[in-house]
Amino acid sequence: MQDEFKRFGLEKFGFTIILLEILGAIGLLVGLKFIFIEVISSAGLTLLMFAGIIVRIMVKDKIRIFLPALILMILNGYIFWATIK
């Protein structure tokens, strides 16, 4: 994982990104009880995955490499949309 962050030029933000992903996952679980937390967590994870896709495109990775981030972005976007509706 550290090698990937170095390749992207984001080694300074590696810990922060990992922490945000973990907090987002915990937030989705807590959000099962508290809707507001679910909205914030799903929106944050959607944006985080979108940023990850943009970075992968900028470093010219193949689509199969960033497909998991794309799927997670769509899934979290759906959770956000379904929760606020």
C-alpha atoms as a PDB file:
ATOM      1  CA  MET A   1       0.000   0.000   0.000  1.00  0.00           C
ATOM      2  CA  GLN A   2       2.842   2.396   0.798  1.00  0.00           C
ATOM      3  CA  ASP A   3       4.379   1.742  -2.617  1.00  0.00           C
ATOM      4  CA  GLU A   4       1.087   2.662  -4.267  1.00  0.00           C
ATOM      5  CA  PHE A   5       0.871   5.962  -2.380  1.00  0.00           C
ATOM      6  CA  LYS A   6       4.471   6.731  -3.389  1.00  0.00           C
ATOM      7  CA  ARG A   7       3.644   5.941  -7.014  1.00  0.00           C
ATOM      8  CA  PHE A   8       0.705   8.344  -6.859  1.00  0.00           C
ATOM      9  CA  GLY A   9       2.775  11.043  -5.152  1.00  0.00           C
ATOM     10  CA  LEU A  10       0.494  10.898  -2.110  1.00  0.00           C
ATOM     11  CA  GLU A  11       2.797   9.368   0.503  1.00  0.00           C
ATOM     12  CA  LYS A  12       2.086  12.293   2.874  1.00  0.00           C
ATOM     13  CA  PHE A  13      -1.629  11.519   2.807  1.00  0.00           C
ATOM     14  CA  GLY A  14      -1.485   7.727   3.048  1.00  0.00           C
ATOM     15  CA  PHE A  15      -2.348   7.477   6.734  1.00  0.00           C
ATOM     16  CA  THR A  16      -5.117  10.061   6.408  1.00  0.00           C
ATOM     17  CA  ILE A  17      -6.704   8.271   3.451  1.00  0.00           C
ATOM     18  CA  ILE A  18      -6.608   4.915   5.221  1.00  0.00           C
ATOM     19  CA  LEU A  19      -8.072   6.480   8.377  1.00  0.00           C
ATOM     20  CA  LEU A  20     -10.896   8.079   6.364  1.00  0.00           C
ATOM     21  CA  GLU A  21     -11.701   4.746   4.728  1.00  0.00           C
ATOM     22  CA  ILE A  22     -11.858   2.991   8.101  1.00  0.00           C
ATOM     23  CA  LEU A  23     -13.975   5.760   9.640  1.00  0.00           C
ATOM     24  CA  GLY A  24     -16.292   5.636   6.628  1.00  0.00           C
ATOM     25  CA  ALA A  25     -16.765   1.883   7.003  1.00  0.00           C
ATOM     26  CA  ILE A  26     -17.457   2.229  10.733  1.00  0.00           C
ATOM     27  CA  GLY A  27     -19.808   5.101   9.944  1.00  0.00           C
ATOM     28  CA  LEU A  28     -21.797   2.911   7.572  1.00  0.00           C
ATOM     29  CA  LEU A  29     -22.223   0.337  10.317  1.00  0.00           C
ATOM     30  CA  VAL A  30     -23.206   2.934  12.907  1.00  0.00           C
ATOM     31  CA  GLY A  31     -25.441   4.479  10.251  1.00  0.00           C
ATOM     32  CA  LEU A  32     -27.687   1.446  10.402  1.00  0.00           C
ATOM     33  CA  LYS A  33     -28.913   2.936  13.685  1.00  0.00           C
ATOM     34  CA  PHE A  34     -28.336   6.676  13.056  1.00  0.00           C
ATOM     35  CA  ILE A  35     -29.323   7.795   9.543  1.00  0.00           C
ATOM     36  CA  PHE A  36     -27.382  11.073   9.698  1.00  0.00           C
ATOM     37  CA  ILE A  37     -24.113   9.167  10.197  1.00  0.00           C
ATOM     38  CA  GLU A  38     -24.956   6.914   7.249  1.00  0.00           C
ATOM     39  CA  VAL A  39     -25.540   9.911   4.980  1.00  0.00           C
ATOM     40  CA  ILE A  40     -22.230  11.530   5.952  1.00  0.00           C
ATOM     41  CA  SER A  41     -20.281   8.255   5.696  1.00  0.00           C
ATOM     42  CA  SER A  42     -21.690   7.207   2.338  1.00  0.00           C
ATOM     43  CA  ALA A  43     -21.133  10.685   0.879  1.00  0.00           C
ATOM     44  CA  GLY A  44     -17.570  10.770   2.199  1.00  0.00           C
ATOM     45  CA  LEU A  45     -16.738   7.321   0.854  1.00  0.00           C
ATOM     46  CA  THR A  46     -18.283   8.186  -2.506  1.00  0.00           C
ATOM     47  CA  LEU A  47     -16.064  11.263  -2.765  1.00  0.00           C
ATOM     48  CA  LEU A  48     -13.026   9.332  -1.574  1.00  0.00           C
ATOM     49  CA  MET A  49     -13.526   6.633  -4.207  1.00  0.00           C
ATOM     50  CA  PHE A  50     -14.137   9.285  -6.877  1.00  0.00           C
ATOM     51  CA  ALA A  51     -10.838  10.940  -5.951  1.00  0.00           C
ATOM     52  CA  GLY A  52      -9.151   7.527  -6.089  1.00  0.00           C
ATOM     53  CA  ILE A  53     -10.477   6.950  -9.589  1.00  0.00           C
ATOM     54  CA  ILE A  54      -9.255  10.369 -10.716  1.00  0.00           C
ATOM     55  CA  VAL A  55      -5.776   9.638  -9.337  1.00  0.00           C
ATOM     56  CA  ARG A  56      -5.712   6.241 -11.053  1.00  0.00           C
ATOM     57  CA  ILE A  57      -6.707   7.850 -14.351  1.00  0.00           C
ATOM     58  CA  MET A  58      -3.995  10.502 -13.933  1.00  0.00           C
ATOM     59  CA  VAL A  59      -1.306   7.824 -13.466  1.00  0.00           C
ATOM     60  CA  LYS A  60      -2.754   5.986 -16.483  1.00  0.00           C
ATOM     61  CA  ASP A  61      -3.739   2.751 -14.742  1.00  0.00           C
ATOM     62  CA  LYS A  62      -5.872   0.282 -16.655  1.00  0.00           C
ATOM     63  CA  ILE A  63      -9.589   0.130 -15.895  1.00  0.00           C
ATOM     64  CA  ARG A  64      -9.318  -3.316 -14.285  1.00  0.00           C
ATOM     65  CA  ILE A  65      -7.019  -1.760 -11.676  1.00  0.00           C
ATOM     66  CA  PHE A  66      -9.495   0.912 -10.579  1.00  0.00           C
ATOM     67  CA  LEU A  67     -12.637  -1.167 -11.133  1.00  0.00           C
ATOM     68  CA  PRO A  68     -12.984  -1.942  -7.376  1.00  0.00           C
ATOM     69  CA  ALA A  69     -12.924   1.788  -6.570  1.00  0.00           C
ATOM     70  CA  LEU A  70     -15.515   2.410  -9.296  1.00  0.00           C
ATOM     71  CA  ILE A  71     -17.806  -0.297  -7.915  1.00  0.00           C
ATOM     72  CA  LEU A  72     -17.430   1.021  -4.362  1.00  0.00           C
ATOM     73  CA  MET A  73     -18.109   4.578  -5.546  1.00  0.00           C
ATOM     74  CA  ILE A  74     -21.322   3.460  -7.256  1.00  0.00           C
ATOM     75  CA  LEU A  75     -22.384   1.389  -4.246  1.00  0.00           C
ATOM     76  CA  ASN A  76     -21.758   4.201  -1.750  1.00  0.00           C
ATOM     77  CA  GLY A  77     -23.435   6.691  -4.080  1.00  0.00           C
ATOM     78  CA  TYR A  78     -26.492   4.439  -4.163  1.00  0.00           C
ATOM     79  CA  ILE A  79     -26.489   4.150  -0.353  1.00  0.00           C
ATOM     80  CA  PHE A  80     -26.296   7.951  -0.106  1.00  0.00           C
ATOM     81  CA  TRP A  81     -29.068   8.450  -2.644  1.00  0.00           C
ATOM     82  CA  ALA A  82     -31.337   5.815  -1.071  1.00  0.00           C
ATOM     83  CA  THR A  83     -30.783   7.234   2.423  1.00  0.00           C
ATOM     84  CA  ILE A  84     -31.628  10.868   1.622  1.00  0.00           C
ATOM     85  CA  LYS A  85     -34.656  10.007  -0.491  1.00  0.00           C
END
